[in-house]
């Protein structure tokens, strides 16, 4: 987590409005640690797009799996 926080702070200091979590390991960190706002989880986006592109809606009971 020490390295994650260091990279996060460096990116924010350089002006990043959001940080893309593009690896499964980073999705796990987001779920298990309080990393704060400003992250886009690529796996969540992929899952939501896969569902909506099949003309389906995400069920309410699954929204808790999608974090902000």
PDB file of N, CA and C in Angstrom:
ATOM      1  N   UNK A   1       0.816  -1.188   0.000  1.00  0.00           N
ATOM      2  CA  UNK A   1       0.000   0.000   0.000  1.00  0.00           C
ATOM      3  C   UNK A   1       0.864   1.257   0.000  1.00  0.00           C
ATOM      4  N   UNK A   2       2.038   1.138   0.573  1.00  0.00           N
ATOM      5  CA  UNK A   2       2.924   2.303   0.613  1.00  0.00           C
ATOM      6  C   UNK A   2       3.250   2.793  -0.801  1.00  0.00           C
ATOM      7  N   UNK A   3       3.557   1.865  -1.696  1.00  0.00           N
ATOM      8  CA  UNK A   3       3.870   2.239  -3.083  1.00  0.00           C
ATOM      9  C   UNK A   3       2.634   2.774  -3.802  1.00  0.00           C
ATOM     10  N   UNK A   4       1.494   2.156  -3.548  1.00  0.00           N
ATOM     11  CA  UNK A   4       0.247   2.603  -4.168  1.00  0.00           C
ATOM     12  C   UNK A   4      -0.047   4.050  -3.784  1.00  0.00           C
ATOM     13  N   UNK A   5       0.044   4.355  -2.497  1.00  0.00           N
ATOM     14  CA  UNK A   5      -0.229   5.714  -2.014  1.00  0.00           C
ATOM     15  C   UNK A   5       0.773   6.702  -2.611  1.00  0.00           C
ATOM     16  N   UNK A   6       2.023   6.312  -2.719  1.00  0.00           N
ATOM     17  CA  UNK A   6       3.045   7.194  -3.288  1.00  0.00           C
ATOM     18  C   UNK A   6       2.725   7.536  -4.744  1.00  0.00           C
ATOM     19  N   UNK A   7       2.357   6.530  -5.526  1.00  0.00           N
ATOM     20  CA  UNK A   7       2.016   6.761  -6.929  1.00  0.00           C
ATOM     21  C   UNK A   7       0.744   7.607  -7.028  1.00  0.00           C
ATOM     22  N   UNK A   8      -0.246   7.298  -6.213  1.00  0.00           N
ATOM     23  CA  UNK A   8      -1.496   8.065  -6.185  1.00  0.00           C
ATOM     24  C   UNK A   8      -1.214   9.538  -5.920  1.00  0.00           C
ATOM     25  N   UNK A   9      -0.434   9.828  -4.912  1.00  0.00           N
ATOM     26  CA  UNK A   9      -0.122  11.215  -4.562  1.00  0.00           C
ATOM     27  C   UNK A   9       0.669  11.914  -5.670  1.00  0.00           C
ATOM     28  N   UNK A  10       1.594  11.203  -6.279  1.00  0.00           N
ATOM     29  CA  UNK A  10       2.380  11.778  -7.365  1.00  0.00           C
ATOM     30  C   UNK A  10       1.489  12.136  -8.556  1.00  0.00           C
ATOM     31  N   UNK A  11       0.583  11.238  -8.913  1.00  0.00           N
ATOM     32  CA  UNK A  11      -0.323  11.503 -10.027  1.00  0.00           C
ATOM     33  C   UNK A  11      -1.255  12.675  -9.721  1.00  0.00           C
ATOM     34  N   UNK A  12      -1.781  12.732  -8.512  1.00  0.00           N
ATOM     35  CA  UNK A  12      -2.654  13.835  -8.108  1.00  0.00           C
ATOM     36  C   UNK A  12      -1.884  15.154  -8.113  1.00  0.00           C
ATOM     37  N   UNK A  13      -0.645  15.129  -7.633  1.00  0.00           N
ATOM     38  CA  UNK A  13       0.191  16.337  -7.617  1.00  0.00           C
ATOM     39  C   UNK A  13       0.474  16.849  -9.028  1.00  0.00           C
ATOM     40  N   UNK A  14       0.504  15.918  -9.992  1.00  0.00           N
ATOM     41  CA  UNK A  14       0.761  16.298 -11.386  1.00  0.00           C
ATOM     42  C   UNK A  14      -0.513  16.691 -12.116  1.00  0.00           C
ATOM     43  N   UNK A  15      -1.640  16.715 -11.391  1.00  0.00           N
ATOM     44  CA  UNK A  15      -2.874  17.214 -11.974  1.00  0.00           C
ATOM     45  C   UNK A  15      -3.899  16.184 -12.403  1.00  0.00           C
ATOM     46  N   UNK A  16      -3.699  14.927 -12.064  1.00  0.00           N
ATOM     47  CA  UNK A  16      -4.670  13.897 -12.460  1.00  0.00           C
ATOM     48  C   UNK A  16      -5.992  14.127 -11.733  1.00  0.00           C
ATOM     49  N   UNK A  17      -7.077  14.160 -12.503  1.00  0.00           N
ATOM     50  CA  UNK A  17      -8.415  14.267 -11.918  1.00  0.00           C
ATOM     51  C   UNK A  17      -8.938  12.902 -11.502  1.00  0.00           C
ATOM     52  N   UNK A  18      -8.511  11.880 -12.221  1.00  0.00           N
ATOM     53  CA  UNK A  18      -8.926  10.510 -11.933  1.00  0.00           C
ATOM     54  C   UNK A  18      -7.786   9.575 -12.304  1.00  0.00           C
ATOM     55  N   UNK A  19      -7.776   8.429 -11.664  1.00  0.00           N
ATOM     56  CA  UNK A  19      -6.748   7.427 -11.921  1.00  0.00           C
ATOM     57  C   UNK A  19      -7.456   6.144 -12.335  1.00  0.00           C
ATOM     58  N   UNK A  20      -7.042   5.587 -13.458  1.00  0.00           N
ATOM     59  CA  UNK A  20      -7.637   4.345 -13.951  1.00  0.00           C
ATOM     60  C   UNK A  20      -6.932   3.158 -13.301  1.00  0.00           C
ATOM     61  N   UNK A  21      -7.729   2.316 -12.671  1.00  0.00           N
ATOM     62  CA  UNK A  21      -7.221   1.072 -12.109  1.00  0.00           C
ATOM     63  C   UNK A  21      -7.371   0.027 -13.193  1.00  0.00           C
ATOM     64  N   UNK A  22      -6.283  -0.288 -13.880  1.00  0.00           N
ATOM     65  CA  UNK A  22      -6.351  -1.129 -15.068  1.00  0.00           C
ATOM     66  C   UNK A  22      -5.880  -2.553 -14.875  1.00  0.00           C
ATOM     67  N   UNK A  23      -5.664  -2.985 -13.662  1.00  0.00           N
ATOM     68  CA  UNK A  23      -5.207  -4.355 -13.392  1.00  0.00           C
ATOM     69  C   UNK A  23      -6.117  -4.990 -12.353  1.00  0.00           C
ATOM     70  N   UNK A  24      -6.280  -6.283 -12.436  1.00  0.00           N
ATOM     71  CA  UNK A  24      -7.138  -6.964 -11.467  1.00  0.00           C
ATOM     72  C   UNK A  24      -6.628  -6.782 -10.039  1.00  0.00           C
ATOM     73  N   UNK A  25      -5.325  -6.694  -9.878  1.00  0.00           N
ATOM     74  CA  UNK A  25      -4.769  -6.503  -8.536  1.00  0.00           C
ATOM     75  C   UNK A  25      -5.211  -5.167  -7.951  1.00  0.00           C
ATOM     76  N   UNK A  26      -5.322  -4.157  -8.802  1.00  0.00           N
ATOM     77  CA  UNK A  26      -5.739  -2.838  -8.328  1.00  0.00           C
ATOM     78  C   UNK A  26      -7.223  -2.820  -7.979  1.00  0.00           C
ATOM     79  N   UNK A  27      -8.020  -3.605  -8.683  1.00  0.00           N
ATOM     80  CA  UNK A  27      -9.434  -3.736  -8.336  1.00  0.00           C
ATOM     81  C   UNK A  27      -9.577  -4.357  -6.951  1.00  0.00           C
ATOM     82  N   UNK A  28      -8.731  -5.308  -6.648  1.00  0.00           N
ATOM     83  CA  UNK A  28      -8.762  -5.953  -5.329  1.00  0.00           C
ATOM     84  C   UNK A  28      -8.374  -4.955  -4.246  1.00  0.00           C
ATOM     85  N   UNK A  29      -7.362  -4.155  -4.505  1.00  0.00           N
ATOM     86  CA  UNK A  29      -6.956  -3.134  -3.528  1.00  0.00           C
ATOM     87  C   UNK A  29      -8.104  -2.172  -3.274  1.00  0.00           C
ATOM     88  N   UNK A  30      -8.793  -1.761  -4.341  1.00  0.00           N
ATOM     89  CA  UNK A  30      -9.906  -0.826  -4.188  1.00  0.00           C
ATOM     90  C   UNK A  30     -10.994  -1.408  -3.301  1.00  0.00           C
ATOM     91  N   UNK A  31     -11.230  -2.696  -3.420  1.00  0.00           N
ATOM     92  CA  UNK A  31     -12.275  -3.324  -2.614  1.00  0.00           C
ATOM     93  C   UNK A  31     -11.845  -3.567  -1.167  1.00  0.00           C
ATOM     94  N   UNK A  32     -10.562  -3.748  -0.937  1.00  0.00           N
ATOM     95  CA  UNK A  32     -10.118  -4.119   0.409  1.00  0.00           C
ATOM     96  C   UNK A  32      -9.531  -2.959   1.210  1.00  0.00           C
ATOM     97  N   UNK A  33      -9.176  -1.880   0.546  1.00  0.00           N
ATOM     98  CA  UNK A  33      -8.564  -0.739   1.225  1.00  0.00           C
ATOM     99  C   UNK A  33      -9.388   0.518   0.970  1.00  0.00           C
ATOM    100  N   UNK A  34      -9.299   1.461   1.869  1.00  0.00           N
ATOM    101  CA  UNK A  34      -9.968   2.749   1.687  1.00  0.00           C
ATOM    102  C   UNK A  34      -9.022   3.668   0.918  1.00  0.00           C
ATOM    103  N   UNK A  35      -9.108   3.628  -0.411  1.00  0.00           N
ATOM    104  CA  UNK A  35      -8.184   4.414  -1.234  1.00  0.00           C
ATOM    105  C   UNK A  35      -8.741   5.783  -1.583  1.00  0.00           C
ATOM    106  N   UNK A  36      -9.997   6.032  -1.232  1.00  0.00           N
ATOM    107  CA  UNK A  36     -10.595   7.330  -1.474  1.00  0.00           C
ATOM    108  C   UNK A  36     -11.199   7.444  -2.864  1.00  0.00           C
ATOM    109  N   UNK A  37     -11.732   8.629  -3.167  1.00  0.00           N
ATOM    110  CA  UNK A  37     -12.389   8.853  -4.450  1.00  0.00           C
ATOM    111  C   UNK A  37     -11.390   9.134  -5.565  1.00  0.00           C
ATOM    112  N   UNK A  38     -11.904   9.198  -6.776  1.00  0.00           N
ATOM    113  CA  UNK A  38     -11.069   9.595  -7.898  1.00  0.00           C
ATOM    114  C   UNK A  38     -10.451   8.457  -8.675  1.00  0.00           C
ATOM    115  N   UNK A  39     -11.023   7.276  -8.551  1.00  0.00           N
ATOM    116  CA  UNK A  39     -10.507   6.111  -9.257  1.00  0.00           C
ATOM    117  C   UNK A  39     -11.564   5.541 -10.190  1.00  0.00           C
ATOM    118  N   UNK A  40     -11.142   5.113 -11.362  1.00  0.00           N
ATOM    119  CA  UNK A  40     -12.011   4.452 -12.318  1.00  0.00           C
ATOM    120  C   UNK A  40     -11.518   3.011 -12.419  1.00  0.00           C
ATOM    121  N   UNK A  41     -12.378   2.083 -12.025  1.00  0.00           N
ATOM    122  CA  UNK A  41     -12.013   0.675 -12.045  1.00  0.00           C
ATOM    123  C   UNK A  41     -12.360   0.100 -13.418  1.00  0.00           C
ATOM    124  N   UNK A  42     -11.350  -0.226 -14.201  1.00  0.00           N
ATOM    125  CA  UNK A  42     -11.547  -0.702 -15.569  1.00  0.00           C
ATOM    126  C   UNK A  42     -12.396  -1.975 -15.622  1.00  0.00           C
ATOM    127  N   UNK A  43     -12.266  -2.846 -14.640  1.00  0.00           N
ATOM    128  CA  UNK A  43     -13.066  -4.076 -14.636  1.00  0.00           C
ATOM    129  C   UNK A  43     -14.548  -3.777 -14.413  1.00  0.00           C
ATOM    130  N   UNK A  44     -14.842  -2.802 -13.551  1.00  0.00           N
ATOM    131  CA  UNK A  44     -16.230  -2.410 -13.330  1.00  0.00           C
ATOM    132  C   UNK A  44     -16.825  -1.804 -14.599  1.00  0.00           C
ATOM    133  N   UNK A  45     -16.058  -0.953 -15.259  1.00  0.00           N
ATOM    134  CA  UNK A  45     -16.529  -0.334 -16.492  1.00  0.00           C
ATOM    135  C   UNK A  45     -16.775  -1.399 -17.554  1.00  0.00           C
ATOM    136  N   UNK A  46     -15.854  -2.333 -17.685  1.00  0.00           N
ATOM    137  CA  UNK A  46     -16.007  -3.421 -18.649  1.00  0.00           C
ATOM    138  C   UNK A  46     -17.258  -4.244 -18.362  1.00  0.00           C
ATOM    139  N   UNK A  47     -17.478  -4.572 -17.118  1.00  0.00           N
ATOM    140  CA  UNK A  47     -18.652  -5.362 -16.749  1.00  0.00           C
ATOM    141  C   UNK A  47     -19.936  -4.598 -17.045  1.00  0.00           C
ATOM    142  N   UNK A  48     -20.003  -3.328 -16.662  1.00  0.00           N
ATOM    143  CA  UNK A  48     -21.199  -2.532 -16.916  1.00  0.00           C
ATOM    144  C   UNK A  48     -21.464  -2.385 -18.412  1.00  0.00           C
ATOM    145  N   UNK A  49     -20.426  -2.120 -19.186  1.00  0.00           N
ATOM    146  CA  UNK A  49     -20.585  -1.973 -20.638  1.00  0.00           C
ATOM    147  C   UNK A  49     -21.000  -3.283 -21.285  1.00  0.00           C
ATOM    148  N   UNK A  50     -20.468  -4.385 -20.812  1.00  0.00           N
ATOM    149  CA  UNK A  50     -20.839  -5.692 -21.363  1.00  0.00           C
ATOM    150  C   UNK A  50     -22.329  -5.958 -21.156  1.00  0.00           C
ATOM    151  N   UNK A  51     -22.809  -5.615 -19.989  1.00  0.00           N
ATOM    152  CA  UNK A  51     -24.226  -5.830 -19.682  1.00  0.00           C
ATOM    153  C   UNK A  51     -25.100  -4.889 -20.498  1.00  0.00           C
ATOM    154  N   UNK A  52     -24.784  -3.604 -20.487  1.00  0.00           N
ATOM    155  CA  UNK A  52     -25.637  -2.638 -21.184  1.00  0.00           C
ATOM    156  C   UNK A  52     -25.554  -2.778 -22.702  1.00  0.00           C
ATOM    157  N   UNK A  53     -24.427  -3.220 -23.235  1.00  0.00           N
ATOM    158  CA  UNK A  53     -24.315  -3.433 -24.678  1.00  0.00           C
ATOM    159  C   UNK A  53     -25.127  -4.629 -25.159  1.00  0.00           C
ATOM    160  N   UNK A  54     -25.535  -5.471 -24.235  1.00  0.00           N
ATOM    161  CA  UNK A  54     -26.430  -6.583 -24.567  1.00  0.00           C
ATOM    162  C   UNK A  54     -27.885  -6.180 -24.348  1.00  0.00           C
ATOM    163  N   UNK A  55     -28.109  -4.855 -24.269  1.00  0.00           N
ATOM    164  CA  UNK A  55     -29.452  -4.295 -24.040  1.00  0.00           C
ATOM    165  C   UNK A  55     -30.096  -4.818 -22.764  1.00  0.00           C
ATOM    166  N   UNK A  56     -29.277  -5.006 -21.752  1.00  0.00           N
ATOM    167  CA  UNK A  56     -29.772  -5.443 -20.449  1.00  0.00           C
ATOM    168  C   UNK A  56     -29.491  -4.344 -19.429  1.00  0.00           C
ATOM    169  N   UNK A  57     -30.181  -4.421 -18.310  1.00  0.00           N
ATOM    170  CA  UNK A  57     -29.965  -3.483 -17.217  1.00  0.00           C
ATOM    171  C   UNK A  57     -29.233  -4.199 -16.096  1.00  0.00           C
ATOM    172  N   UNK A  58     -28.456  -3.436 -15.368  1.00  0.00           N
ATOM    173  CA  UNK A  58     -27.762  -4.003 -14.206  1.00  0.00           C
ATOM    174  C   UNK A  58     -28.780  -4.118 -13.079  1.00  0.00           C
ATOM    175  N   UNK A  59     -28.916  -5.298 -12.550  1.00  0.00           N
ATOM    176  CA  UNK A  59     -29.882  -5.527 -11.484  1.00  0.00           C
ATOM    177  C   UNK A  59     -29.507  -4.730 -10.244  1.00  0.00           C
ATOM    178  N   UNK A  60     -30.531  -4.243  -9.536  1.00  0.00           N
ATOM    179  CA  UNK A  60     -30.316  -3.452  -8.326  1.00  0.00           C
ATOM    180  C   UNK A  60     -29.441  -4.181  -7.310  1.00  0.00           C
ATOM    181  N   UNK A  61     -29.669  -5.481  -7.170  1.00  0.00           N
ATOM    182  CA  UNK A  61     -28.928  -6.231  -6.153  1.00  0.00           C
ATOM    183  C   UNK A  61     -27.435  -6.326  -6.456  1.00  0.00           C
ATOM    184  N   UNK A  62     -27.035  -5.975  -7.680  1.00  0.00           N
ATOM    185  CA  UNK A  62     -25.618  -6.013  -8.038  1.00  0.00           C
ATOM    186  C   UNK A  62     -24.947  -4.646  -7.998  1.00  0.00           C
ATOM    187  N   UNK A  63     -25.716  -3.580  -7.806  1.00  0.00           N
ATOM    188  CA  UNK A  63     -25.111  -2.245  -7.775  1.00  0.00           C
ATOM    189  C   UNK A  63     -24.121  -2.100  -6.625  1.00  0.00           C
ATOM    190  N   UNK A  64     -24.315  -2.849  -5.524  1.00  0.00           N
ATOM    191  CA  UNK A  64     -23.370  -2.765  -4.406  1.00  0.00           C
ATOM    192  C   UNK A  64     -21.996  -3.307  -4.784  1.00  0.00           C
ATOM    193  N   UNK A  65     -21.912  -4.066  -5.875  1.00  0.00           N
ATOM    194  CA  UNK A  65     -20.623  -4.577  -6.332  1.00  0.00           C
ATOM    195  C   UNK A  65     -19.856  -3.526  -7.125  1.00  0.00           C
ATOM    196  N   UNK A  66     -20.569  -2.490  -7.560  1.00  0.00           N
ATOM    197  CA  UNK A  66     -19.951  -1.408  -8.332  1.00  0.00           C
ATOM    198  C   UNK A  66     -19.713  -0.261  -7.374  1.00  0.00           C
ATOM    199  N   UNK A  67     -18.462   0.085  -7.194  1.00  0.00           N
ATOM    200  CA  UNK A  67     -18.109   1.113  -6.218  1.00  0.00           C
ATOM    201  C   UNK A  67     -17.939   2.460  -6.891  1.00  0.00           C
ATOM    202  N   UNK A  68     -18.026   3.495  -6.119  1.00  0.00           N
ATOM    203  CA  UNK A  68     -17.835   4.861  -6.616  1.00  0.00           C
ATOM    204  C   UNK A  68     -16.411   5.319  -6.440  1.00  0.00           C
TER     205      UNK A  68
END
